[in-house]
C-alpha atoms as a PDB file:
ATOM      1  CA  MET A   1     -34.965 -33.605   7.575  1.00  0.00           C
ATOM      2  CA  THR A   2     -38.380 -31.929   7.215  1.00  0.00           C
ATOM      3  CA  THR A   3     -39.932 -28.710   8.435  1.00  0.00           C
ATOM      4  CA  THR A   4     -43.478 -27.542   9.037  1.00  0.00           C
ATOM      5  CA  LEU A   5     -44.551 -24.778   6.674  1.00  0.00           C
ATOM      6  CA  GLY A   6     -47.308 -23.484   8.971  1.00  0.00           C
ATOM      7  CA  ARG A   7     -50.857 -24.249  10.102  1.00  0.00           C
ATOM      8  CA  SER A   8     -54.171 -24.010   8.347  1.00  0.00           C
ATOM      9  CA  ARG A   9     -57.116 -21.942   9.587  1.00  0.00           C
ATOM     10  CA  SER A  10     -58.446 -24.985  11.411  1.00  0.00           C
ATOM     11  CA  GLY A  11     -55.203 -25.340  13.300  1.00  0.00           C
ATOM     12  CA  ASP A  12     -54.031 -28.462  11.497  1.00  0.00           C
ATOM     13  CA  PRO A  13     -50.382 -28.427  10.465  1.00  0.00           C
ATOM     14  CA  LEU A  14     -49.721 -27.994   6.778  1.00  0.00           C
ATOM     15  CA  PRO A  15     -47.754 -30.632   4.882  1.00  0.00           C
ATOM     16  CA  THR A  16     -44.075 -30.619   5.610  1.00  0.00           C
ATOM     17  CA  ALA A  17     -41.352 -30.132   3.036  1.00  0.00           C
ATOM     18  CA  PRO A  18     -37.840 -31.473   3.144  1.00  0.00           C
ATOM     19  CA  LEU A  19     -35.022 -29.011   3.746  1.00  0.00           C
ATOM     20  CA  SER A  20     -32.517 -28.720   0.933  1.00  0.00           C
ATOM     21  CA  THR A  21     -29.107 -30.029   1.944  1.00  0.00           C
ATOM     22  CA  SER A  22     -25.997 -30.309  -0.198  1.00  0.00           C
ATOM     23  CA  PRO A  23     -25.148 -33.881  -1.168  1.00  0.00           C
ATOM     24  CA  PRO A  24     -21.958 -35.400   0.234  1.00  0.00           C
ATOM     25  CA  PRO A  25     -18.927 -35.347  -2.073  1.00  0.00           C
ATOM     26  CA  SER A  26     -18.508 -38.328  -4.329  1.00  0.00           C
ATOM     27  CA  GLU A  27     -15.580 -40.733  -4.272  1.00  0.00           C
ATOM     28  CA  ASN A  28     -14.105 -39.044  -7.338  1.00  0.00           C
ATOM     29  CA  GLU A  29     -14.299 -35.639  -5.697  1.00  0.00           C
ATOM     30  CA  LEU A  30     -12.639 -36.950  -2.525  1.00  0.00           C
ATOM     31  CA  GLY A  31      -9.900 -38.454  -4.660  1.00  0.00           C
ATOM     32  CA  ARG A  32      -9.359 -35.145  -6.467  1.00  0.00           C
ATOM     33  CA  ARG A  33      -9.133 -33.285  -3.157  1.00  0.00           C
ATOM     34  CA  ALA A  34      -6.587 -35.747  -1.815  1.00  0.00           C
ATOM     35  CA  PHE A  35      -4.557 -35.453  -5.013  1.00  0.00           C
ATOM     36  CA  ARG A  36      -4.572 -31.644  -4.822  1.00  0.00           C
ATOM     37  CA  GLN A  37      -3.473 -31.803  -1.191  1.00  0.00           C
ATOM     38  CA  ARG A  38      -0.563 -34.106  -2.050  1.00  0.00           C
ATOM     39  CA  GLN A  39       0.427 -31.872  -4.944  1.00  0.00           C
ATOM     40  CA  THR A  40       0.355 -28.792  -2.706  1.00  0.00           C
ATOM     41  CA  GLY A  41       2.540 -30.438  -0.080  1.00  0.00           C
ATOM     42  CA  ARG A  42       4.989 -31.611  -2.737  1.00  0.00           C
ATOM     43  CA  ALA A  43       5.156 -28.132  -4.280  1.00  0.00           C
ATOM     44  CA  VAL A  44       5.843 -26.519  -0.884  1.00  0.00           C
ATOM     45  CA  LEU A  45       8.615 -29.021  -0.139  1.00  0.00           C
ATOM     46  CA  ILE A  46      10.263 -28.433  -3.509  1.00  0.00           C
ATOM     47  CA  SER A  47      10.022 -24.664  -3.050  1.00  0.00           C
ATOM     48  CA  VAL A  48      11.668 -24.766   0.365  1.00  0.00           C
ATOM     49  CA  VAL A  49      14.487 -27.058  -0.757  1.00  0.00           C
ATOM     50  CA  SER A  50      15.194 -25.092  -3.947  1.00  0.00           C
ATOM     51  CA  THR A  51      15.216 -21.799  -2.022  1.00  0.00           C
ATOM     52  CA  LEU A  52      17.665 -23.136   0.565  1.00  0.00           C
ATOM     53  CA  VAL A  53      19.946 -24.529  -2.135  1.00  0.00           C
ATOM     54  CA  PHE A  54      19.894 -21.269  -4.079  1.00  0.00           C
ATOM     55  CA  ALA A  55      20.604 -19.214  -0.925  1.00  0.00           C
ATOM     56  CA  ALA A  56      23.503 -21.521  -0.009  1.00  0.00           C
ATOM     57  CA  LEU A  57      25.026 -21.191  -3.490  1.00  0.00           C
ATOM     58  CA  VAL A  58      24.761 -17.405  -3.409  1.00  0.00           C
ATOM     59  CA  TRP A  59      26.282 -17.289   0.068  1.00  0.00           C
ATOM     60  CA  LEU A  60      29.197 -19.526  -0.954  1.00  0.00           C
ATOM     61  CA  PHE A  61      29.825 -17.368  -4.016  1.00  0.00           C
ATOM     62  CA  VAL A  62      29.813 -14.120  -2.024  1.00  0.00           C
ATOM     63  CA  VAL A  63      32.024 -15.283   0.866  1.00  0.00           C
ATOM     64  CA  ASN A  64      34.599 -16.687  -1.546  1.00  0.00           C
ATOM     65  CA  THR A  65      35.053 -13.470  -3.528  1.00  0.00           C
ATOM     66  CA  PRO A  66      38.443 -11.758  -3.052  1.00  0.00           C
ATOM     67  CA  GLY A  67      37.035  -8.601  -1.476  1.00  0.00           C
ATOM     68  CA  TRP A  68      34.508 -10.189   0.898  1.00  0.00           C
ATOM     69  CA  ALA A  69      36.632  -9.610   4.007  1.00  0.00           C
ATOM     70  CA  ALA A  70      36.919  -5.878   3.343  1.00  0.00           C
ATOM     71  CA  VAL A  71      33.209  -5.565   2.458  1.00  0.00           C
ATOM     72  CA  ARG A  72      32.155  -7.420   5.594  1.00  0.00           C
ATOM     73  CA  LYS A  73      34.302  -5.133   7.741  1.00  0.00           C
ATOM     74  CA  SER A  74      32.981  -1.960   6.065  1.00  0.00           C
ATOM     75  CA  PHE A  75      29.284  -2.848   5.751  1.00  0.00           C
ATOM     76  CA  PHE A  76      28.463  -5.643   8.204  1.00  0.00           C
ATOM     77  CA  ASP A  77      30.307  -4.831  11.429  1.00  0.00           C
ATOM     78  CA  PRO A  78      28.115  -5.903  14.389  1.00  0.00           C
ATOM     79  CA  ALA A  79      29.927  -3.643  16.847  1.00  0.00           C
ATOM     80  CA  VAL A  80      29.288  -0.560  14.715  1.00  0.00           C
ATOM     81  CA  ALA A  81      25.650  -1.561  14.215  1.00  0.00           C
ATOM     82  CA  ILE A  82      25.094  -1.912  17.971  1.00  0.00           C
ATOM     83  CA  LYS A  83      26.693   1.468  18.589  1.00  0.00           C
ATOM     84  CA  ALA A  84      24.621   3.190  15.901  1.00  0.00           C
ATOM     85  CA  TRP A  85      21.336   1.505  16.826  1.00  0.00           C
ATOM     86  CA  PRO A  86      19.965   4.090  19.341  1.00  0.00           C
ATOM     87  CA  ARG A  87      20.430   7.096  17.065  1.00  0.00           C
ATOM     88  CA  VAL A  88      19.234   5.333  13.899  1.00  0.00           C
ATOM     89  CA  PHE A  89      16.167   3.934  15.655  1.00  0.00           C
ATOM     90  CA  GLU A  90      15.331   7.364  17.060  1.00  0.00           C
ATOM     91  CA  GLY A  91      15.536   8.747  13.546  1.00  0.00           C
ATOM     92  CA  LEU A  92      13.242   5.989  12.300  1.00  0.00           C
ATOM     93  CA  LEU A  93      10.590   7.158  14.773  1.00  0.00           C
ATOM     94  CA  LEU A  94      10.653  10.542  13.035  1.00  0.00           C
ATOM     95  CA  ASN A  95      10.219   8.788   9.686  1.00  0.00           C
ATOM     96  CA  ILE A  96       7.196   6.922  11.031  1.00  0.00           C
ATOM     97  CA  GLN A  97       5.688  10.141  12.361  1.00  0.00           C
ATOM     98  CA  VAL A  98       6.116  11.881   9.000  1.00  0.00           C
ATOM     99  CA  LEU A  99       4.734   8.813   7.223  1.00  0.00           C
ATOM    100  CA  ILE A 100       1.523   8.786   9.267  1.00  0.00           C
ATOM    101  CA  PHE A 101       0.735  12.468   8.709  1.00  0.00           C
ATOM    102  CA  ALA A 102       1.734  12.302   5.045  1.00  0.00           C
ATOM    103  CA  ALA A 103      -0.459   9.238   4.427  1.00  0.00           C
ATOM    104  CA  LEU A 104      -3.488  10.958   5.968  1.00  0.00           C
ATOM    105  CA  GLY A 105      -2.865  14.132   3.985  1.00  0.00           C
ATOM    106  CA  VAL A 106      -2.392  12.223   0.721  1.00  0.00           C
ATOM    107  CA  LEU A 107      -5.573  10.214   1.285  1.00  0.00           C
ATOM    108  CA  ILE A 108      -7.699  13.338   1.768  1.00  0.00           C
ATOM    109  CA  PHE A 109      -6.080  15.629  -0.803  1.00  0.00           C
ATOM    110  CA  SER A 110      -5.897  12.979  -3.537  1.00  0.00           C
ATOM    111  CA  LEU A 111      -9.577  12.156  -3.100  1.00  0.00           C
ATOM    112  CA  ILE A 112     -10.440  15.834  -3.505  1.00  0.00           C
ATOM    113  CA  LEU A 113      -8.360  16.004  -6.688  1.00  0.00           C
ATOM    114  CA  ALA A 114      -9.974  12.875  -8.109  1.00  0.00           C
ATOM    115  CA  THR A 115     -13.436  14.247  -7.331  1.00  0.00           C
ATOM    116  CA  LEU A 116     -12.645  17.510  -9.102  1.00  0.00           C
ATOM    117  CA  ARG A 117     -11.456  15.658 -12.194  1.00  0.00           C
ATOM    118  CA  THR A 118     -14.664  13.618 -12.369  1.00  0.00           C
ATOM    119  CA  LEU A 119     -17.010  16.613 -12.237  1.00  0.00           C
ATOM    120  CA  ARG A 120     -19.191  16.974 -15.319  1.00  0.00           C
ATOM    121  CA  GLY A 121     -20.484  20.089 -17.011  1.00  0.00           C
ATOM    122  CA  PRO A 122     -18.819  23.127 -18.603  1.00  0.00           C
ATOM    123  CA  VAL A 123     -19.152  25.193 -15.429  1.00  0.00           C
ATOM    124  CA  PHE A 124     -16.635  22.917 -13.690  1.00  0.00           C
ATOM    125  CA  PHE A 125     -14.057  23.104 -16.493  1.00  0.00           C
ATOM    126  CA  PRO A 126     -11.719  25.462 -14.563  1.00  0.00           C
ATOM    127  CA  LEU A 127     -11.648  23.039 -11.616  1.00  0.00           C
ATOM    128  CA  ARG A 128     -11.028  20.060 -13.885  1.00  0.00           C
ATOM    129  CA  ALA A 129      -8.256  21.921 -15.710  1.00  0.00           C
ATOM    130  CA  LEU A 130      -6.665  22.990 -12.431  1.00  0.00           C
ATOM    131  CA  ALA A 131      -6.710  19.436 -11.056  1.00  0.00           C
ATOM    132  CA  ALA A 132      -5.351  18.011 -14.319  1.00  0.00           C
ATOM    133  CA  GLY A 133      -2.557  20.590 -14.414  1.00  0.00           C
ATOM    134  CA  TYR A 134      -1.662  19.832 -10.819  1.00  0.00           C
ATOM    135  CA  THR A 135      -1.392  16.087 -11.409  1.00  0.00           C
ATOM    136  CA  ASP A 136       0.642  16.598 -14.592  1.00  0.00           C
ATOM    137  CA  LEU A 137       3.048  18.962 -12.826  1.00  0.00           C
ATOM    138  CA  PHE A 138       3.731  16.947  -9.692  1.00  0.00           C
ATOM    139  CA  ARG A 139       3.887  13.627 -11.504  1.00  0.00           C
ATOM    140  CA  GLY A 140       6.577  15.092 -13.725  1.00  0.00           C
ATOM    141  CA  VAL A 141       8.753  16.830 -11.122  1.00  0.00           C
ATOM    142  CA  PRO A 142      11.050  14.498  -9.120  1.00  0.00           C
ATOM    143  CA  LEU A 143      10.291  14.275  -5.422  1.00  0.00           C
ATOM    144  CA  LEU A 144      13.814  15.398  -4.544  1.00  0.00           C
ATOM    145  CA  ILE A 145      13.319  18.700  -6.380  1.00  0.00           C
ATOM    146  CA  VAL A 146       9.925  19.186  -4.710  1.00  0.00           C
ATOM    147  CA  LEU A 147      11.597  18.682  -1.342  1.00  0.00           C
ATOM    148  CA  TYR A 148      14.154  21.387  -2.113  1.00  0.00           C
ATOM    149  CA  LEU A 149      11.540  23.819  -3.456  1.00  0.00           C
ATOM    150  CA  VAL A 150       9.165  23.309  -0.548  1.00  0.00           C
ATOM    151  CA  GLY A 151      11.767  22.906   2.199  1.00  0.00           C
ATOM    152  CA  PHE A 152      13.910  25.893   1.255  1.00  0.00           C
ATOM    153  CA  GLY A 153      11.669  27.965  -1.029  1.00  0.00           C
ATOM    154  CA  LEU A 154       8.481  28.324   0.979  1.00  0.00           C
ATOM    155  CA  PRO A 155      10.214  29.280   4.255  1.00  0.00           C
ATOM    156  CA  GLY A 156      12.199  31.880   2.280  1.00  0.00           C
ATOM    157  CA  LEU A 157       8.998  33.781   1.478  1.00  0.00           C
ATOM    158  CA  ASP A 158       8.765  34.827   5.142  1.00  0.00           C
ATOM    159  CA  ILE A 159       4.980  34.531   5.085  1.00  0.00           C
ATOM    160  CA  PHE A 160       4.818  31.304   7.091  1.00  0.00           C
ATOM    161  CA  PRO A 161       5.714  30.846  10.747  1.00  0.00           C
ATOM    162  CA  ARG A 162       8.937  29.058  11.519  1.00  0.00           C
ATOM    163  CA  MET A 163       8.301  25.332  11.215  1.00  0.00           C
ATOM    164  CA  PRO A 164      10.558  22.281  11.636  1.00  0.00           C
ATOM    165  CA  VAL A 165      12.022  20.780   8.478  1.00  0.00           C
ATOM    166  CA  ALA A 166      10.042  17.571   9.049  1.00  0.00           C
ATOM    167  CA  PHE A 167       6.873  19.602   8.513  1.00  0.00           C
ATOM    168  CA  TRP A 168       8.037  20.852   5.119  1.00  0.00           C
ATOM    169  CA  GLY A 169       9.122  17.338   4.197  1.00  0.00           C
ATOM    170  CA  THR A 170       5.619  16.114   5.005  1.00  0.00           C
ATOM    171  CA  VAL A 171       4.118  18.861   2.834  1.00  0.00           C
ATOM    172  CA  ALA A 172       6.367  17.890  -0.080  1.00  0.00           C
ATOM    173  CA  LEU A 173       5.371  14.230   0.227  1.00  0.00           C
ATOM    174  CA  ILE A 174       1.688  15.149   0.274  1.00  0.00           C
ATOM    175  CA  LEU A 175       2.021  17.389  -2.780  1.00  0.00           C
ATOM    176  CA  THR A 176       3.845  14.749  -4.821  1.00  0.00           C
ATOM    177  CA  TYR A 177       2.024  11.580  -3.824  1.00  0.00           C
ATOM    178  CA  SER A 178      -1.405  13.196  -4.017  1.00  0.00           C
ATOM    179  CA  ALA A 179      -0.877  13.564  -7.769  1.00  0.00           C
ATOM    180  CA  TYR A 180      -0.191   9.828  -8.139  1.00  0.00           C
ATOM    181  CA  VAL A 181      -2.877   8.608  -5.760  1.00  0.00           C
ATOM    182  CA  SER A 182      -5.526  10.908  -7.263  1.00  0.00           C
ATOM    183  CA  GLU A 183      -5.100   9.105 -10.591  1.00  0.00           C
ATOM    184  CA  VAL A 184      -5.597   5.795  -8.790  1.00  0.00           C
ATOM    185  CA  TRP A 185      -8.794   7.115  -7.248  1.00  0.00           C
ATOM    186  CA  ARG A 186      -9.977   8.460 -10.607  1.00  0.00           C
ATOM    187  CA  ALA A 187      -9.360   5.113 -12.283  1.00  0.00           C
ATOM    188  CA  GLY A 188     -11.412   3.387  -9.596  1.00  0.00           C
ATOM    189  CA  ILE A 189     -14.249   5.903  -9.878  1.00  0.00           C
ATOM    190  CA  GLU A 190     -14.407   5.592 -13.658  1.00  0.00           C
ATOM    191  CA  ALA A 191     -14.305   1.786 -13.387  1.00  0.00           C
ATOM    192  CA  VAL A 192     -17.703   1.814 -11.665  1.00  0.00           C
ATOM    193  CA  HIS A 193     -20.344   1.047 -14.276  1.00  0.00           C
ATOM    194  CA  PRO A 194     -22.461   4.082 -15.283  1.00  0.00           C
ATOM    195  CA  SER A 195     -25.632   2.124 -14.544  1.00  0.00           C
ATOM    196  CA  GLN A 196     -24.764   2.333 -10.846  1.00  0.00           C
ATOM    197  CA  VAL A 197     -24.771   6.122 -11.015  1.00  0.00           C
ATOM    198  CA  LEU A 198     -27.947   6.251 -13.084  1.00  0.00           C
ATOM    199  CA  ALA A 199     -29.727   3.924 -10.674  1.00  0.00           C
ATOM    200  CA  ALA A 200     -28.681   6.036  -7.701  1.00  0.00           C
ATOM    201  CA  ARG A 201     -29.785   9.255  -9.353  1.00  0.00           C
ATOM    202  CA  SER A 202     -33.124   7.688 -10.316  1.00  0.00           C
ATOM    203  CA  LEU A 203     -33.697   6.958  -6.618  1.00  0.00           C
ATOM    204  CA  GLY A 204     -33.354  10.664  -5.839  1.00  0.00           C
ATOM    205  CA  LEU A 205     -29.740  10.766  -4.612  1.00  0.00           C
ATOM    206  CA  SER A 206     -27.802  13.908  -5.362  1.00  0.00           C
ATOM    207  CA  HIS A 207     -24.419  13.853  -7.100  1.00  0.00           C
ATOM    208  CA  GLY A 208     -22.581  14.063  -3.786  1.00  0.00           C
ATOM    209  CA  GLN A 209     -24.694  11.334  -2.183  1.00  0.00           C
ATOM    210  CA  THR A 210     -24.207   9.111  -5.218  1.00  0.00           C
ATOM    211  CA  LEU A 211     -20.471   9.611  -5.080  1.00  0.00           C
ATOM    212  CA  ARG A 212     -20.274   8.999  -1.338  1.00  0.00           C
ATOM    213  CA  ARG A 213     -22.694   6.095  -0.958  1.00  0.00           C
ATOM    214  CA  VAL A 214     -22.511   4.263  -4.287  1.00  0.00           C
ATOM    215  CA  VAL A 215     -19.415   5.109  -6.315  1.00  0.00           C
ATOM    216  CA  LEU A 216     -16.650   5.502  -3.735  1.00  0.00           C
ATOM    217  CA  PRO A 217     -17.322   2.239  -1.829  1.00  0.00           C
ATOM    218  CA  GLN A 218     -17.092   0.277  -5.092  1.00  0.00           C
ATOM    219  CA  ALA A 219     -14.079   2.258  -6.291  1.00  0.00           C
ATOM    220  CA  LEU A 220     -12.259   1.637  -3.013  1.00  0.00           C
ATOM    221  CA  ARG A 221     -12.547  -2.135  -3.427  1.00  0.00           C
ATOM    222  CA  LYS A 222     -11.138  -1.893  -6.933  1.00  0.00           C
ATOM    223  CA  VAL A 223      -8.128   0.271  -6.114  1.00  0.00           C
ATOM    224  CA  THR A 224      -7.183  -0.989  -2.642  1.00  0.00           C
ATOM    225  CA  PRO A 225      -4.115  -2.956  -3.864  1.00  0.00           C
ATOM    226  CA  ALA A 226      -2.868   0.025  -5.880  1.00  0.00           C
ATOM    227  CA  LEU A 227      -3.352   2.390  -2.931  1.00  0.00           C
ATOM    228  CA  MET A 228      -1.427   0.064  -0.651  1.00  0.00           C
ATOM    229  CA  ASN A 229       1.417  -0.199  -3.171  1.00  0.00           C
ATOM    230  CA  ASP A 230       1.673   3.604  -3.247  1.00  0.00           C
ATOM    231  CA  PHE A 231       1.801   3.586   0.557  1.00  0.00           C
ATOM    232  CA  VAL A 232       4.695   1.104   0.452  1.00  0.00           C
ATOM    233  CA  ALA A 233       6.510   3.358  -2.019  1.00  0.00           C
ATOM    234  CA  MET A 234       5.983   6.337   0.263  1.00  0.00           C
ATOM    235  CA  GLN A 235       7.458   4.367   3.171  1.00  0.00           C
ATOM    236  CA  LYS A 236      10.761   4.347   1.293  1.00  0.00           C
ATOM    237  CA  ASP A 237      10.619   7.913   0.009  1.00  0.00           C
ATOM    238  CA  VAL A 238       9.971   9.281   3.475  1.00  0.00           C
ATOM    239  CA  GLY A 239      13.697   8.805   4.050  1.00  0.00           C
ATOM    240  CA  LEU A 240      14.401  11.596   1.553  1.00  0.00           C
ATOM    241  CA  ILE A 241      13.447  14.241   4.116  1.00  0.00           C
ATOM    242  CA  SER A 242      17.047  13.892   5.303  1.00  0.00           C
ATOM    243  CA  VAL A 243      18.106  16.224   2.448  1.00  0.00           C
ATOM    244  CA  LEU A 244      16.363  19.049   4.318  1.00  0.00           C
ATOM    245  CA  GLY A 245      18.445  18.414   7.427  1.00  0.00           C
ATOM    246  CA  ALA A 246      15.926  16.377   9.407  1.00  0.00           C
ATOM    247  CA  VAL A 247      17.691  13.870  11.647  1.00  0.00           C
ATOM    248  CA  ASP A 248      15.761  10.833  10.528  1.00  0.00           C
ATOM    249  CA  ALA A 249      17.092   7.297  10.140  1.00  0.00           C
ATOM    250  CA  VAL A 250      19.046   8.131   6.978  1.00  0.00           C
ATOM    251  CA  ARG A 251      20.611  11.290   8.413  1.00  0.00           C
ATOM    252  CA  ALA A 252      21.418   9.506  11.661  1.00  0.00           C
ATOM    253  CA  ALA A 253      23.105   6.724   9.683  1.00  0.00           C
ATOM    254  CA  GLN A 254      25.094   9.364   7.787  1.00  0.00           C
ATOM    255  CA  ILE A 255      26.252  10.929  11.065  1.00  0.00           C
ATOM    256  CA  GLU A 256      27.269   7.567  12.506  1.00  0.00           C
ATOM    257  CA  THR A 257      29.070   6.654   9.274  1.00  0.00           C
ATOM    258  CA  ALA A 258      31.057   9.891   9.386  1.00  0.00           C
ATOM    259  CA  ALA A 259      31.982   9.205  13.013  1.00  0.00           C
ATOM    260  CA  SER A 260      33.084   5.584  12.550  1.00  0.00           C
ATOM    261  CA  PHE A 261      34.259   5.629   8.896  1.00  0.00           C
ATOM    262  CA  ASN A 262      32.072   2.560   8.395  1.00  0.00           C
ATOM    263  CA  PHE A 263      28.991   2.044   6.224  1.00  0.00           C
ATOM    264  CA  THR A 264      27.265  -0.392   8.569  1.00  0.00           C
ATOM    265  CA  PRO A 265      24.826   2.298   9.864  1.00  0.00           C
ATOM    266  CA  TYR A 266      23.472   2.683   6.325  1.00  0.00           C
ATOM    267  CA  VAL A 267      22.852  -1.054   6.142  1.00  0.00           C
ATOM    268  CA  LEU A 268      21.147  -0.890   9.538  1.00  0.00           C
ATOM    269  CA  ALA A 269      18.871   1.949   8.371  1.00  0.00           C
ATOM    270  CA  GLY A 270      18.044   0.030   5.202  1.00  0.00           C
ATOM    271  CA  LEU A 271      17.093  -3.086   7.173  1.00  0.00           C
ATOM    272  CA  LEU A 272      14.851  -1.011   9.445  1.00  0.00           C
ATOM    273  CA  PHE A 273      13.043   0.423   6.426  1.00  0.00           C
ATOM    274  CA  VAL A 274      12.597  -3.100   5.052  1.00  0.00           C
ATOM    275  CA  LEU A 275      11.137  -4.291   8.361  1.00  0.00           C
ATOM    276  CA  LEU A 276       8.838  -1.259   8.328  1.00  0.00           C
ATOM    277  CA  ALA A 277       7.570  -2.060   4.842  1.00  0.00           C
ATOM    278  CA  LEU A 278       7.275  -5.864   5.095  1.00  0.00           C
ATOM    279  CA  PRO A 279       3.945  -5.998   6.988  1.00  0.00           C
ATOM    280  CA  MET A 280       2.283  -3.700   4.452  1.00  0.00           C
ATOM    281  CA  ILE A 281       3.812  -5.619   1.526  1.00  0.00           C
ATOM    282  CA  ARG A 282       2.502  -8.939   2.836  1.00  0.00           C
ATOM    283  CA  LEU A 283      -0.898  -7.381   3.601  1.00  0.00           C
ATOM    284  CA  THR A 284      -1.054  -6.009   0.049  1.00  0.00           C
ATOM    285  CA  ASP A 285      -0.266  -9.437  -1.407  1.00  0.00           C
ATOM    286  CA  TRP A 286      -2.903 -11.088   0.798  1.00  0.00           C
ATOM    287  CA  ILE A 287      -5.616  -8.582  -0.138  1.00  0.00           C
ATOM    288  CA  THR A 288      -4.730  -8.859  -3.837  1.00  0.00           C
ATOM    289  CA  ALA A 289      -4.906 -12.659  -3.730  1.00  0.00           C
ATOM    290  CA  ARG A 290      -8.170 -12.537  -1.785  1.00  0.00           C
ATOM    291  CA  MET A 291      -9.771 -10.207  -4.307  1.00  0.00           C
ATOM    292  CA  ARG A 292      -8.554 -12.381  -7.175  1.00  0.00           C
ATOM    293  CA  ARG A 293     -10.078 -15.484  -5.581  1.00  0.00           C
ATOM    294  CA  ARG A 294     -13.397 -13.687  -5.094  1.00  0.00           C
ATOM    295  CA  GLU A 295     -13.456 -12.595  -8.729  1.00  0.00           C
ATOM    296  CA  GLN A 296     -12.586 -16.108  -9.950  1.00  0.00           C
ATOM    297  CA  ILE A 297     -15.178 -18.017  -7.906  1.00  0.00           C
ATOM    298  CA  GLY A 298     -16.653 -20.684 -10.107  1.00  0.00           C
ATOM    299  CA  SER A 299     -14.096 -20.219 -12.890  1.00  0.00           C
ATOM    300  CA  LEU A 300     -11.787 -23.053 -11.832  1.00  0.00           C
ATOM    301  CA  VAL A 301     -12.581 -26.606 -12.834  1.00  0.00           C
END
């Protein structure tokens, strides 16, 4: 295939040049592709069969243990699960609500902390020291203790209006997870090569513009898998707000267990949390694999 490059001043067409097209794959390459496809199909088949065999062996071992009948009655009673479903599911909606607000608060507050820790110059030393002390403190204190201090300590000061316990649970989650996520942000910011910052500053961008337009977009791509893993962890820890008295999925399961003398509601709440986390877990794995493939383009033979 050819194309005309243009016309001369006299109106005559200039010589044409062939368009560059990729050559078709050779017979050897087609053979290698077919071999890889067969190997992939064989690997998938073996994986499925081995997984089914392993699951069957585990199931046979569990159901043949002496105490399986009592465990099944105490933890896997369908009638109790159906009865507890409305209250546990209603509690899960509260967990989801707390999770959404906590995730937004952590995203904003952790980014502010990471920005403070990356400031340069002696004049910003108090801010850097304050941010570093904050991250050290809340990464060292267990979340359960933070929940007690925030949920029962802050309302006891009588300087805040009366708020529901779910609000204080959200505050405790933000305070704790912001310390972890800020370190993830800081690692991503410091992973950006200094030449990027120097180039942006040489073009006349201020420190804030450089951070917003050059550094943060690159840092976000680097730390996306880590941020998503922290979000998955917070999906589980959001159930700890039950210690403050909030009737979430865990507290609702506790109430149903006390009413029926059966632990099936706890299993039901656990399965609901797993179903809540699975989409984000699979999305995290997909994004991680996608980024790895992009970084390894051209490295495989």
